Amino acid sequence: QVQLVESGGGLVQPGGSLRLSCAASKIILSIYKVHWYRQAPGKQRELVAFITGIGSTNYADSVKGRFTISRDNAKNTVYLQMNNLKSEDTAVYYCNLFKSGIDYWGQGTQVTVSS
């Protein structure tokens, strides 16, 4: 059974940084397009960033220049480095991939940006 496990969330002040991790089991992340999504209270889930199998990346306009997605193939983990965090980044962050007709999601990790 494919498993995605997010970690690294927490409470941070505006302007601070966090690094989220998405660790996978029973699947090799490096051959799939892996996404980070987030969902704030009362809002729809939105795509934050993704990284493809060949390492191409893409970001939502709201996080460009502040967030960086990367992958460590040896650790089979995808990261989301988040800098200069703002209150509007507060959300539950999920990693996701699509394989053989199935959407796989982690359990999410809460990020709260507040002073």
C-alpha atoms as a PDB file:
ATOM      1  CA  GLN A   1       0.000   0.000   0.000  1.00  0.00           C
ATOM      2  CA  VAL A   2       1.444   3.352  -1.075  1.00  0.00           C
ATOM      3  CA  GLN A   3       1.891   5.710   1.848  1.00  0.00           C
ATOM      4  CA  LEU A   4       2.741   9.387   1.891  1.00  0.00           C
ATOM      5  CA  VAL A   5       3.611  10.930   5.242  1.00  0.00           C
ATOM      6  CA  GLU A   6       3.992  14.678   5.691  1.00  0.00           C
ATOM      7  CA  SER A   7       5.882  16.289   8.536  1.00  0.00           C
ATOM      8  CA  GLY A   8       7.495  19.566   9.466  1.00  0.00           C
ATOM      9  CA  GLY A   9       4.508  21.776  10.072  1.00  0.00           C
ATOM     10  CA  GLY A  10       4.103  23.990  13.086  1.00  0.00           C
ATOM     11  CA  LEU A  11       3.564  27.478  14.393  1.00  0.00           C
ATOM     12  CA  VAL A  12       5.824  30.183  12.997  1.00  0.00           C
ATOM     13  CA  GLN A  13       5.836  33.961  13.082  1.00  0.00           C
ATOM     14  CA  PRO A  14       5.324  36.004   9.927  1.00  0.00           C
ATOM     15  CA  GLY A  15       8.576  36.182   8.001  1.00  0.00           C
ATOM     16  CA  GLY A  16       9.730  32.853   9.385  1.00  0.00           C
ATOM     17  CA  SER A  17      10.558  29.611   7.618  1.00  0.00           C
ATOM     18  CA  LEU A  18       9.549  25.974   7.719  1.00  0.00           C
ATOM     19  CA  ARG A  19      10.544  22.931   5.718  1.00  0.00           C
ATOM     20  CA  LEU A  20       7.886  20.340   5.062  1.00  0.00           C
ATOM     21  CA  SER A  21       8.749  16.756   4.198  1.00  0.00           C
ATOM     22  CA  CYS A  22       6.787  14.150   2.296  1.00  0.00           C
ATOM     23  CA  ALA A  23       8.214  10.695   2.831  1.00  0.00           C
ATOM     24  CA  ALA A  24       6.959   7.802   0.742  1.00  0.00           C
ATOM     25  CA  SER A  25       6.793   4.065   1.106  1.00  0.00           C
ATOM     26  CA  LYS A  26       5.959   1.383  -1.462  1.00  0.00           C
ATOM     27  CA  ILE A  27       6.587   3.862  -4.280  1.00  0.00           C
ATOM     28  CA  ILE A  28       9.582   5.581  -5.836  1.00  0.00           C
ATOM     29  CA  LEU A  29       8.864   9.293  -5.786  1.00  0.00           C
ATOM     30  CA  SER A  30      11.499  10.190  -8.349  1.00  0.00           C
ATOM     31  CA  ILE A  31       9.515   8.706 -11.231  1.00  0.00           C
ATOM     32  CA  TYR A  32       6.274  10.531 -10.466  1.00  0.00           C
ATOM     33  CA  LYS A  33       5.035  14.083 -10.466  1.00  0.00           C
ATOM     34  CA  VAL A  34       4.596  14.995  -6.812  1.00  0.00           C
ATOM     35  CA  HIS A  35       2.422  17.880  -5.707  1.00  0.00           C
ATOM     36  CA  TRP A  36       2.066  19.962  -2.575  1.00  0.00           C
ATOM     37  CA  TYR A  37      -1.445  21.231  -1.944  1.00  0.00           C
ATOM     38  CA  ARG A  38      -2.838  23.252   0.919  1.00  0.00           C
ATOM     39  CA  GLN A  39      -6.261  23.867   2.365  1.00  0.00           C
ATOM     40  CA  ALA A  40      -7.115  26.761   4.600  1.00  0.00           C
ATOM     41  CA  PRO A  41     -10.242  26.748   6.790  1.00  0.00           C
ATOM     42  CA  GLY A  42     -13.329  27.439   4.718  1.00  0.00           C
ATOM     43  CA  LYS A  43     -11.387  27.395   1.453  1.00  0.00           C
ATOM     44  CA  GLN A  44     -10.874  24.936  -1.355  1.00  0.00           C
ATOM     45  CA  ARG A  45      -7.739  22.887  -1.581  1.00  0.00           C
ATOM     46  CA  GLU A  46      -5.213  24.650  -3.815  1.00  0.00           C
ATOM     47  CA  LEU A  47      -2.097  23.542  -5.620  1.00  0.00           C
ATOM     48  CA  VAL A  48       1.041  25.102  -4.174  1.00  0.00           C
ATOM     49  CA  ALA A  49       3.852  23.474  -6.155  1.00  0.00           C
ATOM     50  CA  PHE A  50       4.886  20.338  -7.977  1.00  0.00           C
ATOM     51  CA  ILE A  51       8.034  18.584  -9.097  1.00  0.00           C
ATOM     52  CA  THR A  52       8.142  16.206 -12.042  1.00  0.00           C
ATOM     53  CA  GLY A  53      10.119  13.031 -12.482  1.00  0.00           C
ATOM     54  CA  ILE A  54      12.831  14.900 -14.361  1.00  0.00           C
ATOM     55  CA  GLY A  55      12.965  17.604 -11.727  1.00  0.00           C
ATOM     56  CA  SER A  56      10.980  20.378 -13.377  1.00  0.00           C
ATOM     57  CA  THR A  57       9.147  22.529 -10.879  1.00  0.00           C
ATOM     58  CA  ASN A  58       6.164  24.842 -10.887  1.00  0.00           C
ATOM     59  CA  TYR A  59       4.653  27.141  -8.279  1.00  0.00           C
ATOM     60  CA  ALA A  60       1.452  28.970  -7.560  1.00  0.00           C
ATOM     61  CA  ASP A  61       1.836  32.696  -8.096  1.00  0.00           C
ATOM     62  CA  SER A  62       1.143  33.319  -4.423  1.00  0.00           C
ATOM     63  CA  VAL A  63       4.272  31.422  -3.329  1.00  0.00           C
ATOM     64  CA  LYS A  64       6.722  32.108  -6.170  1.00  0.00           C
ATOM     65  CA  GLY A  65      10.018  33.385  -4.867  1.00  0.00           C
ATOM     66  CA  ARG A  66       9.242  32.228  -1.326  1.00  0.00           C
ATOM     67  CA  PHE A  67       8.716  28.457  -1.579  1.00  0.00           C
ATOM     68  CA  THR A  68      11.020  25.859  -3.087  1.00  0.00           C
ATOM     69  CA  ILE A  69      10.112  22.257  -3.856  1.00  0.00           C
ATOM     70  CA  SER A  70      12.883  19.686  -4.038  1.00  0.00           C
ATOM     71  CA  ARG A  71      13.473  15.968  -3.867  1.00  0.00           C
ATOM     72  CA  ASP A  72      16.039  13.708  -2.225  1.00  0.00           C
ATOM     73  CA  ASN A  73      16.016  10.472  -4.188  1.00  0.00           C
ATOM     74  CA  ALA A  74      18.175   8.634  -1.654  1.00  0.00           C
ATOM     75  CA  LYS A  75      15.641   9.392   1.069  1.00  0.00           C
ATOM     76  CA  ASN A  76      12.647   8.994  -1.227  1.00  0.00           C
ATOM     77  CA  THR A  77      11.363  12.286   0.128  1.00  0.00           C
ATOM     78  CA  VAL A  78      10.019  15.492  -1.374  1.00  0.00           C
ATOM     79  CA  TYR A  79      10.469  18.760   0.487  1.00  0.00           C
ATOM     80  CA  LEU A  80       8.772  22.126   0.499  1.00  0.00           C
ATOM     81  CA  GLN A  81      11.011  24.872   1.832  1.00  0.00           C
ATOM     82  CA  MET A  82       8.834  27.812   2.835  1.00  0.00           C
ATOM     83  CA  ASN A  83      10.468  31.174   3.516  1.00  0.00           C
ATOM     84  CA  ASN A  84       9.075  34.584   4.345  1.00  0.00           C
ATOM     85  CA  LEU A  85       5.861  33.008   5.538  1.00  0.00           C
ATOM     86  CA  LYS A  86       2.709  35.098   5.678  1.00  0.00           C
ATOM     87  CA  SER A  87      -0.504  34.715   7.628  1.00  0.00           C
ATOM     88  CA  GLU A  88      -2.267  33.711   4.430  1.00  0.00           C
ATOM     89  CA  ASP A  89      -0.006  30.665   4.179  1.00  0.00           C
ATOM     90  CA  THR A  90      -1.798  29.195   7.183  1.00  0.00           C
ATOM     91  CA  ALA A  91      -3.308  25.895   6.068  1.00  0.00           C
ATOM     92  CA  VAL A  92      -3.022  22.148   6.204  1.00  0.00           C
ATOM     93  CA  TYR A  93      -0.422  21.086   3.653  1.00  0.00           C
ATOM     94  CA  TYR A  94      -0.723  17.788   1.779  1.00  0.00           C
ATOM     95  CA  CYS A  95       1.508  15.958  -0.611  1.00  0.00           C
ATOM     96  CA  ASN A  96      -0.067  14.081  -3.471  1.00  0.00           C
ATOM     97  CA  LEU A  97       0.703  11.930  -6.472  1.00  0.00           C
ATOM     98  CA  PHE A  98      -1.313  10.149  -9.111  1.00  0.00           C
ATOM     99  CA  LYS A  99      -0.412   6.585 -10.045  1.00  0.00           C
ATOM    100  CA  SER A 100      -2.307   4.033 -12.090  1.00  0.00           C
ATOM    101  CA  GLY A 101      -5.602   5.839 -11.802  1.00  0.00           C
ATOM    102  CA  ILE A 102      -5.363   6.455  -8.069  1.00  0.00           C
ATOM    103  CA  ASP A 103      -4.805   9.746  -6.283  1.00  0.00           C
ATOM    104  CA  TYR A 104      -2.628   9.228  -3.222  1.00  0.00           C
ATOM    105  CA  TRP A 105      -2.676  11.729  -0.365  1.00  0.00           C
ATOM    106  CA  GLY A 106      -0.871  12.060   2.884  1.00  0.00           C
ATOM    107  CA  GLN A 107      -2.599  12.896   6.151  1.00  0.00           C
ATOM    108  CA  GLY A 108      -1.489  16.522   6.006  1.00  0.00           C
ATOM    109  CA  THR A 109       0.592  18.737   8.258  1.00  0.00           C
ATOM    110  CA  GLN A 110      -0.680  21.954   9.829  1.00  0.00           C
ATOM    111  CA  VAL A 111       1.166  25.200   9.168  1.00  0.00           C
ATOM    112  CA  THR A 112       0.112  28.196  11.237  1.00  0.00           C
ATOM    113  CA  VAL A 113       1.668  31.603  10.636  1.00  0.00           C
ATOM    114  CA  SER A 114       0.845  33.971  13.449  1.00  0.00           C
ATOM    115  CA  SER A 115       2.482  36.444  15.752  1.00  0.00           C
END
